[in-house]
Amino acid sequence: VVKSAVGNDETEAPPKTKSVSVNSPQLDTQKNEPVKSSNEENILAPMPGTFYAAPTPEAEAFVKSGDIVSKGDTLCIIEAMKIMNEIEVEKSGKITEVVANNGEPVEF
């Protein structure tokens, strides 16, 4: 869902099918997947559901590229089984990219 940097390491928030990144990713030609830098982590959605970047359609997104976040900050909301689940940052760092789009389904 979101990538963040911790010190020199980047980490992402809870799991999701989409990812976020500041730099243009290079592809691993054998796996055809983006290559992460050594200090970068993907945050995946912890559950399948619908991704929401903000608490209401009119509100500003919880996080965006370039934001500095602290452990416990809200990254997004994932709606699962009609329950709105706030997803929190597990490590402090910098958000490099938000890959999910508002209202899109996400998975682990």
Protein backbone atom coordinates (compact mmCIF):
# COMPACT_ATOMS: atom_id res chain seq x y z
CA VAL A 1 0.00 0.00 0.00
CA VAL A 2 2.56 2.45 1.07
CA LYS A 3 6.35 2.50 1.26
CA SER A 4 8.18 4.36 3.97
CA ALA A 5 11.79 4.89 4.97
CA VAL A 6 13.05 4.15 8.47
CA GLY A 7 16.34 5.89 9.11
CA ASN A 8 18.18 4.64 6.06
CA ASP A 9 15.64 1.88 5.56
CA GLU A 10 12.35 2.25 3.78
CA THR A 11 9.35 0.27 4.92
CA GLU A 12 5.78 0.04 3.80
CA ALA A 13 2.56 0.00 5.68
CA PRO A 14 0.10 -2.87 5.84
CA PRO A 15 -0.11 -5.23 2.86
CA LYS A 16 -1.97 -4.42 -0.30
CA THR A 17 -1.97 -5.49 -3.93
CA LYS A 18 -0.63 -2.12 -4.96
CA SER A 19 2.64 -0.56 -3.91
CA VAL A 20 4.23 2.83 -3.60
CA SER A 21 7.65 4.14 -4.58
CA VAL A 22 9.45 7.45 -5.13
CA ASN A 23 12.13 6.24 -7.51
CA SER A 24 11.43 4.61 -10.83
CA PRO A 25 11.70 0.92 -10.05
CA GLN A 26 14.10 -1.27 -11.99
CA LEU A 27 12.81 -4.65 -13.08
CA ASP A 28 14.24 -8.01 -12.10
CA THR A 29 14.41 -9.46 -15.61
CA GLN A 30 14.07 -13.05 -14.36
CA LYS A 31 10.98 -12.37 -12.22
CA ASN A 32 9.64 -9.32 -14.13
CA GLU A 33 9.07 -7.58 -10.79
CA PRO A 34 10.34 -4.24 -9.45
CA VAL A 35 13.67 -4.48 -7.65
CA LYS A 36 13.59 -2.92 -4.17
CA SER A 37 16.55 -0.94 -2.92
CA SER A 38 18.15 -2.41 0.20
CA ASN A 39 16.46 0.15 2.44
CA GLU A 40 12.98 -0.17 0.96
CA GLU A 41 10.06 -2.30 2.11
CA ASN A 42 6.60 -2.79 0.66
CA ILE A 43 3.64 -2.46 2.98
CA LEU A 44 0.96 -4.92 2.04
CA ALA A 45 -2.68 -4.98 3.01
CA PRO A 46 -3.21 -7.06 6.16
CA MET A 47 -6.59 -8.20 4.79
CA PRO A 48 -8.52 -8.17 1.53
CA GLY A 49 -10.95 -5.29 1.16
CA THR A 50 -11.47 -1.85 -0.34
CA PHE A 51 -8.70 0.76 0.05
CA TYR A 52 -9.56 4.29 1.18
CA ALA A 53 -6.83 6.94 1.36
CA ALA A 54 -8.90 9.31 3.54
CA PRO A 55 -11.58 9.09 6.24
CA THR A 56 -14.20 10.73 3.96
CA PRO A 57 -14.38 11.48 0.23
CA GLU A 58 -13.89 15.21 0.92
CA ALA A 59 -11.01 14.78 3.39
CA GLU A 60 -7.30 14.93 2.64
CA ALA A 61 -5.45 11.59 2.33
CA PHE A 62 -3.91 10.18 5.52
CA VAL A 63 -0.51 9.98 3.77
CA LYS A 64 1.01 10.89 0.42
CA SER A 65 4.40 10.53 -1.23
CA GLY A 66 7.09 12.40 0.68
CA ASP A 67 5.28 12.37 4.03
CA ILE A 68 7.25 11.52 7.17
CA VAL A 69 5.30 9.08 9.36
CA SER A 70 5.70 7.76 12.90
CA LYS A 71 4.77 4.39 14.31
CA GLY A 72 1.02 4.39 15.01
CA ASP A 73 0.08 7.00 12.38
CA THR A 74 -2.88 6.02 10.20
CA LEU A 75 -1.90 5.05 6.64
CA CYS A 76 -5.29 4.24 5.19
CA ILE A 77 -8.61 2.52 5.79
CA ILE A 78 -9.46 -0.91 4.44
CA GLU A 79 -13.15 -1.76 4.38
CA ALA A 80 -13.71 -5.47 4.92
CA MET A 81 -17.11 -7.03 5.59
CA LYS A 82 -18.67 -3.55 6.01
CA ILE A 83 -16.17 -2.70 8.79
CA MET A 84 -13.77 0.22 8.32
CA ASN A 85 -10.32 -0.87 9.55
CA GLU A 86 -7.73 1.88 10.13
CA ILE A 87 -4.30 0.61 9.08
CA GLU A 88 -1.43 2.06 11.11
CA VAL A 89 2.28 2.51 10.41
CA GLU A 90 4.40 -0.18 12.06
CA LYS A 91 7.73 1.69 11.70
CA SER A 92 8.63 5.36 11.45
CA GLY A 93 9.92 6.54 8.10
CA LYS A 94 9.19 8.35 4.84
CA ILE A 95 6.44 7.43 2.39
CA THR A 96 7.98 7.01 -1.05
CA GLU A 97 4.89 5.99 -3.03
CA VAL A 98 1.26 5.05 -2.57
CA VAL A 99 0.34 2.49 -5.21
CA ALA A 100 -3.29 1.81 -4.35
CA ASN A 101 -6.03 4.02 -5.69
CA ASN A 102 -8.94 5.21 -3.59
CA GLY A 103 -11.89 2.81 -3.73
CA GLU A 104 -9.91 -0.04 -5.31
CA PRO A 105 -9.93 -3.59 -3.96
CA VAL A 106 -6.71 -4.74 -2.28
CA GLU A 107 -5.35 -8.12 -1.16
CA PHE A 108 -2.55 -9.49 0.99
